[in-house]
Amino acid sequence: MRRSLSLFVAVLGLAACGKPAPEPELTARFTPGQQQLLQQGSLRARSCAACHGANGISRQALYPSLAGLPEAQLAEALQQYRDGSRKHALMSPQARGLTDDDIALLAAYYALLPSPSQP
């Protein structure tokens, strides 16, 4: 079981390595500060993309889309996964290594992205 989980995490990491920065048409409508946040967030969110999809839009019903969710909701969920008050076989280990700055960056990044229902 442990070997399977290690293999799964390794595959997730490899799958995320090739994720490009946000598309130019996406960043063009944001302020320079928001564009910087999108750039930094896209780098930190590479491992998230394997499950939650490119630009936070999941293609699998098993994993929720994160794009456009409220920043506070995202930050709270990540903090809870990190501190163990919320448990999930995949998310808990992923969040365990996040710093407060990582959580703030990821929450702001995903909140800034347009949700799947937005054009």
PDB file of N, CA and C in Angstrom:
ATOM      1  N   MET A   1       0.834  -1.190   0.000  1.00  0.00           N
ATOM      2  CA  MET A   1       0.000   0.000   0.000  1.00  0.00           C
ATOM      3  C   MET A   1       0.881   1.258   0.000  1.00  0.00           C
ATOM      4  N   ARG A   2       1.902   1.244   0.858  1.00  0.00           N
ATOM      5  CA  ARG A   2       2.787   2.404   0.946  1.00  0.00           C
ATOM      6  C   ARG A   2       3.515   2.632  -0.378  1.00  0.00           C
ATOM      7  N   ARG A   3       3.921   1.533  -1.018  1.00  0.00           N
ATOM      8  CA  ARG A   3       4.611   1.650  -2.303  1.00  0.00           C
ATOM      9  C   ARG A   3       3.673   2.229  -3.359  1.00  0.00           C
ATOM     10  N   SER A   4       2.411   1.799  -3.340  1.00  0.00           N
ATOM     11  CA  SER A   4       1.433   2.324  -4.301  1.00  0.00           C
ATOM     12  C   SER A   4       1.225   3.811  -4.102  1.00  0.00           C
ATOM     13  N   LEU A   5       1.128   4.240  -2.843  1.00  0.00           N
ATOM     14  CA  LEU A   5       0.935   5.659  -2.559  1.00  0.00           C
ATOM     15  C   LEU A   5       2.156   6.459  -3.002  1.00  0.00           C
ATOM     16  N   SER A   6       3.346   5.929  -2.748  1.00  0.00           N
ATOM     17  CA  SER A   6       4.570   6.614  -3.176  1.00  0.00           C
ATOM     18  C   SER A   6       4.627   6.734  -4.692  1.00  0.00           C
ATOM     19  N   LEU A   7       4.241   5.677  -5.377  1.00  0.00           N
ATOM     20  CA  LEU A   7       4.225   5.705  -6.835  1.00  0.00           C
ATOM     21  C   LEU A   7       3.212   6.722  -7.334  1.00  0.00           C
ATOM     22  N   PHE A   8       2.038   6.751  -6.700  1.00  0.00           N
ATOM     23  CA  PHE A   8       0.996   7.698  -7.095  1.00  0.00           C
ATOM     24  C   PHE A   8       1.481   9.133  -6.925  1.00  0.00           C
ATOM     25  N   VAL A   9       2.103   9.431  -5.792  1.00  0.00           N
ATOM     26  CA  VAL A   9       2.612  10.779  -5.537  1.00  0.00           C
ATOM     27  C   VAL A   9       3.699  11.133  -6.549  1.00  0.00           C
ATOM     28  N   ALA A  10       4.556  10.175  -6.885  1.00  0.00           N
ATOM     29  CA  ALA A  10       5.606  10.431  -7.875  1.00  0.00           C
ATOM     30  C   ALA A  10       5.009  10.729  -9.245  1.00  0.00           C
ATOM     31  N   VAL A  11       3.985   9.979  -9.626  1.00  0.00           N
ATOM     32  CA  VAL A  11       3.330  10.215 -10.914  1.00  0.00           C
ATOM     33  C   VAL A  11       2.667  11.584 -10.929  1.00  0.00           C
ATOM     34  N   LEU A  12       2.031  11.955  -9.814  1.00  0.00           N
ATOM     35  CA  LEU A  12       1.424  13.282  -9.728  1.00  0.00           C
ATOM     36  C   LEU A  12       2.471  14.367  -9.934  1.00  0.00           C
ATOM     37  N   GLY A  13       3.603  14.201  -9.296  1.00  0.00           N
ATOM     38  CA  GLY A  13       4.670  15.191  -9.426  1.00  0.00           C
ATOM     39  C   GLY A  13       5.171  15.307 -10.853  1.00  0.00           C
ATOM     40  N   LEU A  14       5.356  14.178 -11.513  1.00  0.00           N
ATOM     41  CA  LEU A  14       5.817  14.204 -12.900  1.00  0.00           C
ATOM     42  C   LEU A  14       4.771  14.802 -13.825  1.00  0.00           C
ATOM     43  N   ALA A  15       3.518  14.473 -13.594  1.00  0.00           N
ATOM     44  CA  ALA A  15       2.447  15.010 -14.438  1.00  0.00           C
ATOM     45  C   ALA A  15       2.362  16.518 -14.312  1.00  0.00           C
ATOM     46  N   ALA A  16       2.651  17.025 -13.134  1.00  0.00           N
ATOM     47  CA  ALA A  16       2.529  18.459 -12.894  1.00  0.00           C
ATOM     48  C   ALA A  16       3.726  19.256 -13.411  1.00  0.00           C
ATOM     49  N   CYS A  17       4.844  18.607 -13.634  1.00  0.00           N
ATOM     50  CA  CYS A  17       6.054  19.328 -14.040  1.00  0.00           C
ATOM     51  C   CYS A  17       5.891  20.092 -15.345  1.00  0.00           C
ATOM     52  N   GLY A  18       5.097  19.596 -16.245  1.00  0.00           N
ATOM     53  CA  GLY A  18       4.960  20.241 -17.537  1.00  0.00           C
ATOM     54  C   GLY A  18       3.870  21.285 -17.609  1.00  0.00           C
ATOM     55  N   LYS A  19       3.233  21.630 -16.505  1.00  0.00           N
ATOM     56  CA  LYS A  19       2.130  22.588 -16.540  1.00  0.00           C
ATOM     57  C   LYS A  19       2.657  23.971 -16.876  1.00  0.00           C
ATOM     58  N   PRO A  20       2.121  24.573 -17.921  1.00  0.00           N
ATOM     59  CA  PRO A  20       2.580  25.907 -18.304  1.00  0.00           C
ATOM     60  C   PRO A  20       2.009  26.987 -17.400  1.00  0.00           C
ATOM     61  N   ALA A  21       2.556  28.172 -17.519  1.00  0.00           N
ATOM     62  CA  ALA A  21       2.015  29.335 -16.812  1.00  0.00           C
ATOM     63  C   ALA A  21       0.629  29.636 -17.360  1.00  0.00           C
ATOM     64  N   PRO A  22      -0.154  30.441 -16.644  1.00  0.00           N
ATOM     65  CA  PRO A  22      -1.491  30.776 -17.139  1.00  0.00           C
ATOM     66  C   PRO A  22      -1.437  31.336 -18.557  1.00  0.00           C
ATOM     67  N   GLU A  23      -2.476  31.042 -19.314  1.00  0.00           N
ATOM     68  CA  GLU A  23      -2.528  31.474 -20.706  1.00  0.00           C
ATOM     69  C   GLU A  23      -2.526  32.995 -20.805  1.00  0.00           C
ATOM     70  N   PRO A  24      -1.882  33.558 -21.836  1.00  0.00           N
ATOM     71  CA  PRO A  24      -1.805  35.018 -21.981  1.00  0.00           C
ATOM     72  C   PRO A  24      -3.168  35.691 -22.003  1.00  0.00           C
ATOM     73  N   GLU A  25      -4.169  35.075 -22.660  1.00  0.00           N
ATOM     74  CA  GLU A  25      -5.486  35.706 -22.703  1.00  0.00           C
ATOM     75  C   GLU A  25      -6.120  35.773 -21.319  1.00  0.00           C
ATOM     76  N   LEU A  26      -5.727  34.860 -20.428  1.00  0.00           N
ATOM     77  CA  LEU A  26      -6.230  34.888 -19.063  1.00  0.00           C
ATOM     78  C   LEU A  26      -5.586  36.035 -18.287  1.00  0.00           C
ATOM     79  N   THR A  27      -4.282  36.197 -18.415  1.00  0.00           N
ATOM     80  CA  THR A  27      -3.585  37.212 -17.627  1.00  0.00           C
ATOM     81  C   THR A  27      -3.792  38.625 -18.150  1.00  0.00           C
ATOM     82  N   ALA A  28      -4.146  38.779 -19.404  1.00  0.00           N
ATOM     83  CA  ALA A  28      -4.273  40.108 -20.009  1.00  0.00           C
ATOM     84  C   ALA A  28      -5.327  40.976 -19.334  1.00  0.00           C
ATOM     85  N   ARG A  29      -6.329  40.382 -18.726  1.00  0.00           N
ATOM     86  CA  ARG A  29      -7.406  41.175 -18.127  1.00  0.00           C
ATOM     87  C   ARG A  29      -7.163  41.532 -16.660  1.00  0.00           C
ATOM     88  N   PHE A  30      -5.981  41.266 -16.145  1.00  0.00           N
ATOM     89  CA  PHE A  30      -5.669  41.538 -14.748  1.00  0.00           C
ATOM     90  C   PHE A  30      -4.652  42.666 -14.606  1.00  0.00           C
ATOM     91  N   THR A  31      -4.647  43.276 -13.430  1.00  0.00           N
ATOM     92  CA  THR A  31      -3.674  44.320 -13.122  1.00  0.00           C
ATOM     93  C   THR A  31      -2.278  43.697 -13.063  1.00  0.00           C
ATOM     94  N   PRO A  32      -1.227  44.521 -13.119  1.00  0.00           N
ATOM     95  CA  PRO A  32       0.127  43.963 -13.008  1.00  0.00           C
ATOM     96  C   PRO A  32       0.330  43.159 -11.711  1.00  0.00           C
ATOM     97  N   GLY A  33      -0.217  43.638 -10.603  1.00  0.00           N
ATOM     98  CA  GLY A  33      -0.095  42.900  -9.342  1.00  0.00           C
ATOM     99  C   GLY A  33      -0.788  41.550  -9.400  1.00  0.00           C
ATOM    100  N   GLN A  34      -1.955  41.522 -10.013  1.00  0.00           N
ATOM    101  CA  GLN A  34      -2.683  40.266 -10.163  1.00  0.00           C
ATOM    102  C   GLN A  34      -1.958  39.334 -11.130  1.00  0.00           C
ATOM    103  N   GLN A  35      -1.352  39.900 -12.163  1.00  0.00           N
ATOM    104  CA  GLN A  35      -0.590  39.084 -13.106  1.00  0.00           C
ATOM    105  C   GLN A  35       0.596  38.423 -12.409  1.00  0.00           C
ATOM    106  N   GLN A  36       1.249  39.164 -11.519  1.00  0.00           N
ATOM    107  CA  GLN A  36       2.366  38.596 -10.762  1.00  0.00           C
ATOM    108  C   GLN A  36       1.865  37.469  -9.858  1.00  0.00           C
ATOM    109  N   LEU A  37       0.718  37.686  -9.212  1.00  0.00           N
ATOM    110  CA  LEU A  37       0.127  36.655  -8.367  1.00  0.00           C
ATOM    111  C   LEU A  37      -0.197  35.406  -9.194  1.00  0.00           C
ATOM    112  N   LEU A  38      -0.749  35.593 -10.380  1.00  0.00           N
ATOM    113  CA  LEU A  38      -1.059  34.458 -11.248  1.00  0.00           C
ATOM    114  C   LEU A  38       0.206  33.698 -11.634  1.00  0.00           C
ATOM    115  N   GLN A  39       1.270  34.422 -11.925  1.00  0.00           N
ATOM    116  CA  GLN A  39       2.530  33.777 -12.302  1.00  0.00           C
ATOM    117  C   GLN A  39       3.096  32.970 -11.131  1.00  0.00           C
ATOM    118  N   GLN A  40       3.178  33.589  -9.966  1.00  0.00           N
ATOM    119  CA  GLN A  40       3.709  32.899  -8.786  1.00  0.00           C
ATOM    120  C   GLN A  40       2.806  31.735  -8.384  1.00  0.00           C
ATOM    121  N   GLY A  41       1.502  31.977  -8.418  1.00  0.00           N
ATOM    122  CA  GLY A  41       0.550  30.937  -8.038  1.00  0.00           C
ATOM    123  C   GLY A  41       0.599  29.743  -8.969  1.00  0.00           C
ATOM    124  N   SER A  42       0.759  30.003 -10.262  1.00  0.00           N
ATOM    125  CA  SER A  42       0.800  28.888 -11.215  1.00  0.00           C
ATOM    126  C   SER A  42       2.010  27.995 -10.963  1.00  0.00           C
ATOM    127  N   LEU A  43       3.104  28.577 -10.530  1.00  0.00           N
ATOM    128  CA  LEU A  43       4.291  27.778 -10.215  1.00  0.00           C
ATOM    129  C   LEU A  43       4.057  26.923  -8.977  1.00  0.00           C
ATOM    130  N   ARG A  44       3.452  27.509  -7.950  1.00  0.00           N
ATOM    131  CA  ARG A  44       3.215  26.771  -6.701  1.00  0.00           C
ATOM    132  C   ARG A  44       2.102  25.739  -6.871  1.00  0.00           C
ATOM    133  N   ALA A  45       1.195  25.962  -7.807  1.00  0.00           N
ATOM    134  CA  ALA A  45       0.031  25.087  -7.987  1.00  0.00           C
ATOM    135  C   ALA A  45       0.294  23.919  -8.936  1.00  0.00           C
ATOM    136  N   ARG A  46       1.513  23.742  -9.382  1.00  0.00           N
ATOM    137  CA  ARG A  46       1.798  22.666 -10.341  1.00  0.00           C
ATOM    138  C   ARG A  46       1.351  21.305  -9.828  1.00  0.00           C
ATOM    139  N   SER A  47       1.625  20.996  -8.581  1.00  0.00           N
ATOM    140  CA  SER A  47       1.230  19.681  -8.068  1.00  0.00           C
ATOM    141  C   SER A  47      -0.283  19.575  -7.901  1.00  0.00           C
ATOM    142  N   CYS A  48      -0.969  20.687  -7.756  1.00  0.00           N
ATOM    143  CA  CYS A  48      -2.434  20.687  -7.615  1.00  0.00           C
ATOM    144  C   CYS A  48      -3.109  20.328  -8.941  1.00  0.00           C
ATOM    145  N   ALA A  49      -2.484  20.708 -10.043  1.00  0.00           N
ATOM    146  CA  ALA A  49      -3.089  20.557 -11.369  1.00  0.00           C
ATOM    147  C   ALA A  49      -3.339  19.103 -11.746  1.00  0.00           C
ATOM    148  N   ALA A  50      -2.560  18.193 -11.205  1.00  0.00           N
ATOM    149  CA  ALA A  50      -2.738  16.784 -11.551  1.00  0.00           C
ATOM    150  C   ALA A  50      -4.143  16.293 -11.208  1.00  0.00           C
ATOM    151  N   CYS A  51      -4.718  16.796 -10.139  1.00  0.00           N
ATOM    152  CA  CYS A  51      -6.077  16.396  -9.742  1.00  0.00           C
ATOM    153  C   CYS A  51      -7.109  17.481 -10.035  1.00  0.00           C
ATOM    154  N   HIS A  52      -6.754  18.725  -9.737  1.00  0.00           N
ATOM    155  CA  HIS A  52      -7.727  19.820  -9.822  1.00  0.00           C
ATOM    156  C   HIS A  52      -7.740  20.510 -11.184  1.00  0.00           C
ATOM    157  N   GLY A  53      -6.904  20.053 -12.101  1.00  0.00           N
ATOM    158  CA  GLY A  53      -6.932  20.539 -13.473  1.00  0.00           C
ATOM    159  C   GLY A  53      -6.135  21.804 -13.707  1.00  0.00           C
ATOM    160  N   ALA A  54      -5.811  22.005 -14.977  1.00  0.00           N
ATOM    161  CA  ALA A  54      -5.111  23.222 -15.378  1.00  0.00           C
ATOM    162  C   ALA A  54      -5.998  24.420 -15.085  1.00  0.00           C
ATOM    163  N   ASN A  55      -5.405  25.466 -14.570  1.00  0.00           N
ATOM    164  CA  ASN A  55      -6.133  26.685 -14.196  1.00  0.00           C
ATOM    165  C   ASN A  55      -7.261  26.411 -13.211  1.00  0.00           C
ATOM    166  N   GLY A  56      -7.114  25.327 -12.413  1.00  0.00           N
ATOM    167  CA  GLY A  56      -8.074  25.043 -11.347  1.00  0.00           C
ATOM    168  C   GLY A  56      -9.401  24.491 -11.800  1.00  0.00           C
ATOM    169  N   ILE A  57      -9.497  24.048 -13.040  1.00  0.00           N
ATOM    170  CA  ILE A  57     -10.748  23.493 -13.554  1.00  0.00           C
ATOM    171  C   ILE A  57     -10.556  21.994 -13.763  1.00  0.00           C
ATOM    172  N   SER A  58     -11.166  21.226 -12.882  1.00  0.00           N
ATOM    173  CA  SER A  58     -11.019  19.775 -12.895  1.00  0.00           C
ATOM    174  C   SER A  58     -11.780  19.152 -14.057  1.00  0.00           C
ATOM    175  N   ARG A  59     -11.198  18.109 -14.596  1.00  0.00           N
ATOM    176  CA  ARG A  59     -11.866  17.339 -15.653  1.00  0.00           C
ATOM    177  C   ARG A  59     -12.377  16.015 -15.107  1.00  0.00           C
ATOM    178  N   GLN A  60     -12.240  15.827 -13.800  1.00  0.00           N
ATOM    179  CA  GLN A  60     -12.661  14.586 -13.162  1.00  0.00           C
ATOM    180  C   GLN A  60     -13.636  14.917 -12.042  1.00  0.00           C
ATOM    181  N   ALA A  61     -14.793  14.273 -12.039  1.00  0.00           N
ATOM    182  CA  ALA A  61     -15.817  14.549 -11.029  1.00  0.00           C
ATOM    183  C   ALA A  61     -15.325  14.249  -9.615  1.00  0.00           C
ATOM    184  N   LEU A  62     -14.367  13.361  -9.498  1.00  0.00           N
ATOM    185  CA  LEU A  62     -13.841  12.988  -8.189  1.00  0.00           C
ATOM    186  C   LEU A  62     -13.133  14.151  -7.489  1.00  0.00           C
ATOM    187  N   TYR A  63     -12.567  15.077  -8.267  1.00  0.00           N
ATOM    188  CA  TYR A  63     -11.813  16.194  -7.711  1.00  0.00           C
ATOM    189  C   TYR A  63     -12.522  17.506  -8.028  1.00  0.00           C
ATOM    190  N   PRO A  64     -12.706  18.357  -7.029  1.00  0.00           N
ATOM    191  CA  PRO A  64     -13.418  19.617  -7.286  1.00  0.00           C
ATOM    192  C   PRO A  64     -12.556  20.623  -8.049  1.00  0.00           C
ATOM    193  N   SER A  65     -13.234  21.449  -8.816  1.00  0.00           N
ATOM    194  CA  SER A  65     -12.557  22.597  -9.420  1.00  0.00           C
ATOM    195  C   SER A  65     -12.303  23.615  -8.320  1.00  0.00           C
ATOM    196  N   LEU A  66     -11.172  24.286  -8.377  1.00  0.00           N
ATOM    197  CA  LEU A  66     -10.811  25.276  -7.364  1.00  0.00           C
ATOM    198  C   LEU A  66     -10.935  26.703  -7.883  1.00  0.00           C
ATOM    199  N   ALA A  67     -10.923  26.870  -9.188  1.00  0.00           N
ATOM    200  CA  ALA A  67     -10.970  28.202  -9.794  1.00  0.00           C
ATOM    201  C   ALA A  67     -12.228  28.949  -9.385  1.00  0.00           C
ATOM    202  N   GLY A  68     -12.023  30.182  -8.922  1.00  0.00           N
ATOM    203  CA  GLY A  68     -13.143  31.050  -8.583  1.00  0.00           C
ATOM    204  C   GLY A  68     -13.750  30.831  -7.214  1.00  0.00           C
ATOM    205  N   LEU A  69     -13.249  29.868  -6.453  1.00  0.00           N
ATOM    206  CA  LEU A  69     -13.769  29.674  -5.098  1.00  0.00           C
ATOM    207  C   LEU A  69     -13.289  30.815  -4.206  1.00  0.00           C
ATOM    208  N   PRO A  70     -14.040  31.123  -3.148  1.00  0.00           N
ATOM    209  CA  PRO A  70     -13.623  32.210  -2.254  1.00  0.00           C
ATOM    210  C   PRO A  70     -12.259  31.933  -1.607  1.00  0.00           C
ATOM    211  N   GLU A  71     -11.441  32.958  -1.571  1.00  0.00           N
ATOM    212  CA  GLU A  71     -10.087  32.842  -1.022  1.00  0.00           C
ATOM    213  C   GLU A  71     -10.093  32.310   0.407  1.00  0.00           C
ATOM    214  N   ALA A  72     -10.983  32.835   1.250  1.00  0.00           N
ATOM    215  CA  ALA A  72     -11.037  32.408   2.653  1.00  0.00           C
ATOM    216  C   ALA A  72     -11.401  30.930   2.769  1.00  0.00           C
ATOM    217  N   GLN A  73     -12.305  30.471   1.934  1.00  0.00           N
ATOM    218  CA  GLN A  73     -12.714  29.063   1.948  1.00  0.00           C
ATOM    219  C   GLN A  73     -11.546  28.155   1.568  1.00  0.00           C
ATOM    220  N   LEU A  74     -10.816  28.531   0.540  1.00  0.00           N
ATOM    221  CA  LEU A  74      -9.664  27.747   0.103  1.00  0.00           C
ATOM    222  C   LEU A  74      -8.576  27.714   1.173  1.00  0.00           C
ATOM    223  N   ALA A  75      -8.278  28.868   1.751  1.00  0.00           N
ATOM    224  CA  ALA A  75      -7.241  28.945   2.785  1.00  0.00           C
ATOM    225  C   ALA A  75      -7.625  28.102   3.998  1.00  0.00           C
ATOM    226  N   GLU A  76      -8.878  28.204   4.409  1.00  0.00           N
ATOM    227  CA  GLU A  76      -9.329  27.435   5.575  1.00  0.00           C
ATOM    228  C   GLU A  76      -9.222  25.930   5.318  1.00  0.00           C
ATOM    229  N   ALA A  77      -9.630  25.486   4.140  1.00  0.00           N
ATOM    230  CA  ALA A  77      -9.553  24.062   3.818  1.00  0.00           C
ATOM    231  C   ALA A  77      -8.103  23.579   3.835  1.00  0.00           C
ATOM    232  N   LEU A  78      -7.200  24.335   3.222  1.00  0.00           N
ATOM    233  CA  LEU A  78      -5.792  23.937   3.206  1.00  0.00           C
ATOM    234  C   LEU A  78      -5.197  23.914   4.615  1.00  0.00           C
ATOM    235  N   GLN A  79      -5.548  24.894   5.432  1.00  0.00           N
ATOM    236  CA  GLN A  79      -5.062  24.913   6.813  1.00  0.00           C
ATOM    237  C   GLN A  79      -5.573  23.701   7.583  1.00  0.00           C
ATOM    238  N   GLN A  80      -6.840  23.352   7.376  1.00  0.00           N
ATOM    239  CA  GLN A  80      -7.416  22.201   8.068  1.00  0.00           C
ATOM    240  C   GLN A  80      -6.772  20.895   7.613  1.00  0.00           C
ATOM    241  N   TYR A  81      -6.501  20.757   6.332  1.00  0.00           N
ATOM    242  CA  TYR A  81      -5.792  19.564   5.859  1.00  0.00           C
ATOM    243  C   TYR A  81      -4.394  19.514   6.462  1.00  0.00           C
ATOM    244  N   ARG A  82      -3.740  20.660   6.520  1.00  0.00           N
ATOM    245  CA  ARG A  82      -2.375  20.710   7.049  1.00  0.00           C
ATOM    246  C   ARG A  82      -2.324  20.363   8.530  1.00  0.00           C
ATOM    247  N   ASP A  83      -3.273  20.903   9.327  1.00  0.00           N
ATOM    248  CA  ASP A  83      -3.214  20.659  10.776  1.00  0.00           C
ATOM    249  C   ASP A  83      -3.915  19.376  11.205  1.00  0.00           C
ATOM    250  N   GLY A  84      -4.559  18.684  10.262  1.00  0.00           N
ATOM    251  CA  GLY A  84      -5.164  17.396  10.569  1.00  0.00           C
ATOM    252  C   GLY A  84      -6.604  17.442  11.044  1.00  0.00           C
ATOM    253  N   SER A  85      -7.189  18.626  11.166  1.00  0.00           N
ATOM    254  CA  SER A  85      -8.584  18.697  11.602  1.00  0.00           C
ATOM    255  C   SER A  85      -9.541  18.298  10.479  1.00  0.00           C
ATOM    256  N   ARG A  86      -9.052  18.271   9.262  1.00  0.00           N
ATOM    257  CA  ARG A  86      -9.800  17.775   8.101  1.00  0.00           C
ATOM    258  C   ARG A  86      -8.891  16.748   7.448  1.00  0.00           C
ATOM    259  N   LYS A  87      -9.448  15.588   7.139  1.00  0.00           N
ATOM    260  CA  LYS A  87      -8.608  14.502   6.647  1.00  0.00           C
ATOM    261  C   LYS A  87      -9.045  14.038   5.254  1.00  0.00           C
ATOM    262  N   HIS A  88      -8.045  13.731   4.445  1.00  0.00           N
ATOM    263  CA  HIS A  88      -8.269  13.175   3.114  1.00  0.00           C
ATOM    264  C   HIS A  88      -6.985  12.449   2.723  1.00  0.00           C
ATOM    265  N   ALA A  89      -7.136  11.266   2.147  1.00  0.00           N
ATOM    266  CA  ALA A  89      -5.970  10.431   1.838  1.00  0.00           C
ATOM    267  C   ALA A  89      -4.939  11.129   0.953  1.00  0.00           C
ATOM    268  N   LEU A  90      -5.378  11.968   0.025  1.00  0.00           N
ATOM    269  CA  LEU A  90      -4.440  12.657  -0.861  1.00  0.00           C
ATOM    270  C   LEU A  90      -4.117  14.071  -0.394  1.00  0.00           C
ATOM    271  N   MET A  91      -5.130  14.796   0.047  1.00  0.00           N
ATOM    272  CA  MET A  91      -4.923  16.204   0.399  1.00  0.00           C
ATOM    273  C   MET A  91      -4.130  16.399   1.687  1.00  0.00           C
ATOM    274  N   SER A  92      -4.352  15.560   2.668  1.00  0.00           N
ATOM    275  CA  SER A  92      -3.638  15.739   3.943  1.00  0.00           C
ATOM    276  C   SER A  92      -2.122  15.701   3.756  1.00  0.00           C
ATOM    277  N   PRO A  93      -1.576  14.690   3.069  1.00  0.00           N
ATOM    278  CA  PRO A  93      -0.121  14.688   2.859  1.00  0.00           C
ATOM    279  C   PRO A  93       0.361  15.853   1.994  1.00  0.00           C
ATOM    280  N   GLN A  94      -0.429  16.259   1.006  1.00  0.00           N
ATOM    281  CA  GLN A  94      -0.044  17.385   0.156  1.00  0.00           C
ATOM    282  C   GLN A  94       0.040  18.676   0.961  1.00  0.00           C
ATOM    283  N   ALA A  95      -0.943  18.894   1.830  1.00  0.00           N
ATOM    284  CA  ALA A  95      -1.015  20.142   2.593  1.00  0.00           C
ATOM    285  C   ALA A  95      -0.024  20.181   3.748  1.00  0.00           C
ATOM    286  N   ARG A  96       0.390  19.035   4.222  1.00  0.00           N
ATOM    287  CA  ARG A  96       1.284  18.979   5.382  1.00  0.00           C
ATOM    288  C   ARG A  96       2.555  19.798   5.170  1.00  0.00           C
ATOM    289  N   GLY A  97       3.047  19.862   3.960  1.00  0.00           N
ATOM    290  CA  GLY A  97       4.285  20.588   3.687  1.00  0.00           C
ATOM    291  C   GLY A  97       4.101  22.054   3.330  1.00  0.00           C
ATOM    292  N   LEU A  98       2.867  22.546   3.343  1.00  0.00           N
ATOM    293  CA  LEU A  98       2.622  23.937   2.965  1.00  0.00           C
ATOM    294  C   LEU A  98       2.907  24.895   4.117  1.00  0.00           C
ATOM    295  N   THR A  99       3.527  26.005   3.803  1.00  0.00           N
ATOM    296  CA  THR A  99       3.720  27.071   4.790  1.00  0.00           C
ATOM    297  C   THR A  99       2.488  27.974   4.768  1.00  0.00           C
ATOM    298  N   ASP A 100       2.401  28.886   5.732  1.00  0.00           N
ATOM    299  CA  ASP A 100       1.308  29.859   5.728  1.00  0.00           C
ATOM    300  C   ASP A 100       1.343  30.693   4.448  1.00  0.00           C
ATOM    301  N   ASP A 101       2.543  31.054   3.997  1.00  0.00           N
ATOM    302  CA  ASP A 101       2.676  31.829   2.758  1.00  0.00           C
ATOM    303  C   ASP A 101       2.210  31.029   1.542  1.00  0.00           C
ATOM    304  N   ASP A 102       2.533  29.733   1.514  1.00  0.00           N
ATOM    305  CA  ASP A 102       2.070  28.876   0.418  1.00  0.00           C
ATOM    306  C   ASP A 102       0.546  28.844   0.368  1.00  0.00           C
ATOM    307  N   ILE A 103      -0.062  28.672   1.527  1.00  0.00           N
ATOM    308  CA  ILE A 103      -1.524  28.602   1.607  1.00  0.00           C
ATOM    309  C   ILE A 103      -2.144  29.911   1.146  1.00  0.00           C
ATOM    310  N   ALA A 104      -1.595  31.019   1.601  1.00  0.00           N
ATOM    311  CA  ALA A 104      -2.123  32.330   1.197  1.00  0.00           C
ATOM    312  C   ALA A 104      -1.992  32.518  -0.314  1.00  0.00           C
ATOM    313  N   LEU A 105      -0.854  32.141  -0.875  1.00  0.00           N
ATOM    314  CA  LEU A 105      -0.628  32.277  -2.311  1.00  0.00           C
ATOM    315  C   LEU A 105      -1.589  31.399  -3.107  1.00  0.00           C
ATOM    316  N   LEU A 106      -1.712  30.136  -2.724  1.00  0.00           N
ATOM    317  CA  LEU A 106      -2.602  29.228  -3.450  1.00  0.00           C
ATOM    318  C   LEU A 106      -4.055  29.676  -3.368  1.00  0.00           C
ATOM    319  N   ALA A 107      -4.486  30.094  -2.190  1.00  0.00           N
ATOM    320  CA  ALA A 107      -5.873  30.542  -2.020  1.00  0.00           C
ATOM    321  C   ALA A 107      -6.152  31.775  -2.874  1.00  0.00           C
ATOM    322  N   ALA A 108      -5.233  32.731  -2.864  1.00  0.00           N
ATOM    323  CA  ALA A 108      -5.411  33.948  -3.665  1.00  0.00           C
ATOM    324  C   ALA A 108      -5.376  33.624  -5.156  1.00  0.00           C
ATOM    325  N   TYR A 109      -4.473  32.750  -5.546  1.00  0.00           N
ATOM    326  CA  TYR A 109      -4.342  32.355  -6.954  1.00  0.00           C
ATOM    327  C   TYR A 109      -5.635  31.728  -7.474  1.00  0.00           C
ATOM    328  N   TYR A 110      -6.126  30.707  -6.784  1.00  0.00           N
ATOM    329  CA  TYR A 110      -7.333  30.030  -7.264  1.00  0.00           C
ATOM    330  C   TYR A 110      -8.562  30.925  -7.192  1.00  0.00           C
ATOM    331  N   ALA A 111      -8.639  31.790  -6.196  1.00  0.00           N
ATOM    332  CA  ALA A 111      -9.777  32.710  -6.096  1.00  0.00           C
ATOM    333  C   ALA A 111      -9.790  33.699  -7.261  1.00  0.00           C
ATOM    334  N   LEU A 112      -8.628  34.053  -7.750  1.00  0.00           N
ATOM    335  CA  LEU A 112      -8.511  35.016  -8.846  1.00  0.00           C
ATOM    336  C   LEU A 112      -8.894  34.415 -10.207  1.00  0.00           C
ATOM    337  N   LEU A 113      -8.724  33.124 -10.355  1.00  0.00           N
ATOM    338  CA  LEU A 113      -9.033  32.471 -11.633  1.00  0.00           C
ATOM    339  C   LEU A 113     -10.542  32.422 -11.873  1.00  0.00           C
ATOM    340  N   PRO A 114     -10.964  32.537 -13.125  1.00  0.00           N
ATOM    341  CA  PRO A 114     -12.398  32.440 -13.420  1.00  0.00           C
ATOM    342  C   PRO A 114     -12.915  31.024 -13.167  1.00  0.00           C
ATOM    343  N   SER A 115     -14.088  30.939 -12.560  1.00  0.00           N
ATOM    344  CA  SER A 115     -14.683  29.633 -12.278  1.00  0.00           C
ATOM    345  C   SER A 115     -15.128  28.976 -13.583  1.00  0.00           C
ATOM    346  N   PRO A 116     -15.349  27.659 -13.552  1.00  0.00           N
ATOM    347  CA  PRO A 116     -15.767  26.967 -14.777  1.00  0.00           C
ATOM    348  C   PRO A 116     -17.058  27.529 -15.375  1.00  0.00           C
ATOM    349  N   SER A 117     -17.904  28.127 -14.561  1.00  0.00           N
ATOM    350  CA  SER A 117     -19.174  28.657 -15.067  1.00  0.00           C
ATOM    351  C   SER A 117     -19.036  30.052 -15.674  1.00  0.00           C
ATOM    352  N   GLN A 118     -17.884  30.714 -15.445  1.00  0.00           N
ATOM    353  CA  GLN A 118     -17.656  32.040 -16.021  1.00  0.00           C
ATOM    354  C   GLN A 118     -17.130  31.900 -17.443  1.00  0.00           C
ATOM    355  N   PRO A 119     -17.489  32.841 -18.324  1.00  0.00           N
ATOM    356  CA  PRO A 119     -16.976  32.768 -19.707  1.00  0.00           C
ATOM    357  C   PRO A 119     -15.491  33.045 -19.780  1.00  0.00           C
TER     358      PRO A 119
END
